[in-house]
Amino acid sequence: METLTTNELQPNGYTPDFRTLSHNVGEKVGVVASEFADTASEYVVAGRQYVKQNPEKGMMFAALAGVVAGSLLTLALRRRP
């Protein structure tokens, strides 16, 4: 993640107000969020392609994930005296 430097915040001796600073930070956060969304989309596409090419492994993985999730929920929701 890119951080703002003093030179970026105060070019030519200009001291930005809170609105300008928050706008700049918002733009940077938007860029990071967009990059994250793009990367996540690529992983989703790659995962779907893998499951299409290997349906048996995809089903086994889904079943295993279900067993793990069910076990964790059972442990978490179990009432203890």
Protein backbone atom coordinates (compact mmCIF):
# COMPACT_ATOMS: atom_id res chain seq x y z
CA MET A 1 0.00 0.00 0.00
CA GLU A 2 1.37 3.39 -0.95
CA THR A 3 1.78 6.00 1.76
CA LEU A 4 1.57 9.75 1.35
CA THR A 5 4.85 11.59 1.75
CA THR A 6 5.38 15.10 3.04
CA ASN A 7 6.19 16.27 -0.50
CA GLU A 8 2.90 14.89 -1.82
CA LEU A 9 0.98 16.56 0.97
CA GLN A 10 2.70 19.93 0.68
CA PRO A 11 3.89 20.66 -2.88
CA ASN A 12 5.37 24.15 -3.33
CA GLY A 13 4.75 25.02 0.32
CA TYR A 14 0.97 24.55 0.00
CA THR A 15 -0.65 23.08 3.08
CA PRO A 16 -3.86 21.27 2.11
CA ASP A 17 -6.94 21.53 4.24
CA PHE A 18 -8.77 18.55 5.71
CA ARG A 19 -11.12 18.29 2.73
CA THR A 20 -8.26 18.04 0.23
CA LEU A 21 -6.38 15.58 2.39
CA SER A 22 -9.43 13.36 2.87
CA HIS A 23 -10.14 13.52 -0.87
CA ASN A 24 -6.58 12.39 -1.66
CA VAL A 25 -6.79 9.56 0.88
CA GLY A 26 -10.17 8.55 -0.53
CA GLU A 27 -8.74 8.36 -4.04
CA LYS A 28 -5.86 6.18 -2.84
CA VAL A 29 -8.25 3.88 -0.95
CA GLY A 30 -10.41 3.64 -4.07
CA VAL A 31 -7.42 2.60 -6.17
CA VAL A 32 -6.41 -0.07 -3.63
CA ALA A 33 -9.99 -1.37 -3.39
CA SER A 34 -10.26 -1.52 -7.19
CA GLU A 35 -7.00 -3.46 -7.45
CA PHE A 36 -8.21 -5.85 -4.74
CA ALA A 37 -11.51 -6.41 -6.56
CA ASP A 38 -9.70 -7.07 -9.85
CA THR A 39 -7.40 -9.61 -8.18
CA ALA A 40 -10.34 -11.32 -6.46
CA SER A 41 -12.20 -11.52 -9.78
CA GLU A 42 -9.17 -13.17 -11.38
CA TYR A 43 -9.08 -15.77 -8.59
CA VAL A 44 -12.79 -16.47 -9.03
CA VAL A 45 -12.36 -17.00 -12.77
CA ALA A 46 -9.33 -19.26 -12.22
CA GLY A 47 -11.22 -21.26 -9.59
CA ARG A 48 -14.21 -21.76 -11.88
CA GLN A 49 -11.95 -22.90 -14.70
CA TYR A 50 -10.21 -25.38 -12.37
CA VAL A 51 -13.54 -26.82 -11.21
CA LYS A 52 -14.72 -27.17 -14.83
CA GLN A 53 -11.54 -29.05 -15.70
CA ASN A 54 -11.55 -31.15 -12.49
CA PRO A 55 -15.17 -31.65 -11.39
CA GLU A 56 -14.38 -34.60 -9.08
CA LYS A 57 -11.77 -32.65 -7.15
CA GLY A 58 -14.11 -29.66 -7.01
CA MET A 59 -16.88 -31.77 -5.49
CA MET A 60 -14.49 -33.33 -2.98
CA PHE A 61 -13.21 -29.92 -1.97
CA ALA A 62 -16.77 -28.59 -1.56
CA ALA A 63 -17.71 -31.63 0.56
CA LEU A 64 -14.61 -31.20 2.70
CA ALA A 65 -15.34 -27.50 3.16
CA GLY A 66 -18.90 -28.37 4.20
CA VAL A 67 -17.69 -30.91 6.76
CA VAL A 68 -15.19 -28.42 8.20
CA ALA A 69 -17.76 -25.61 8.33
CA GLY A 70 -20.35 -27.90 9.92
CA SER A 71 -17.87 -29.13 12.50
CA LEU A 72 -16.82 -25.60 13.40
CA LEU A 73 -20.44 -24.49 13.72
CA THR A 74 -21.25 -27.50 15.88
CA LEU A 75 -18.33 -26.72 18.17
CA ALA A 76 -19.17 -23.02 18.31
CA LEU A 77 -22.88 -23.49 18.97
CA ARG A 78 -22.59 -26.39 21.38
CA ARG A 79 -24.09 -25.45 24.71
CA ARG A 80 -21.81 -26.06 27.61
CA PRO A 81 -23.25 -26.56 31.10
